[in-house]
Structures are given as C-alpha cells and as structure tokens.
Amino acid sequence: MLPSFQEMVPVLIILIIIFGARKLPEIGSGLGKGIKEFKRAMKDADEVDEKKPIEAKTENTSEKDKEKKES
C-alpha cells in the first residue's frame, strides 16, 4: 500500500527543511544502494539454503551406498 500524494507532500517538505535540497539526491542514492544490497544478500542466502538440502541428500545416499557395498 503506497502513500498518497497528500501524505507525501508534508514528508518531502520536512525532509527538504531538515537536510536541504542538495543532500536529498545523495540520501536517496544511498538508500537505493542499501536496498539493492539487502535484496542481493537475501537472494544469496536463499540460494545457499536451496543448495544445502541437495548436498545433504547426496551425502546420505553415498553413505547408504557404502553401507550396502560393505554388507
């Protein structure tokens, strides 16, 4: 749910008063980079989580094969 225009105007005015018009692009850029990095880290974590069960299955399978061969 995105904020409406009427909600954004006072927020933008307060931001301009606090930080000044020159700093807002820098703040927005930094915020965008932070969000991008966070999404990348979440994606990497998901990929690692998806790979672990597959590795565990192959390890369990190979252990079972070894037990069968020994029997």
Foldseek 3Di string as FASTA:
>chain_A
DDDDPVVVVVVVVVCCVVPNPVCVVVVVVVVVVVVVVVVVVVVVVVVVVVVVVVVVVVVVVVVVVVVVVVD
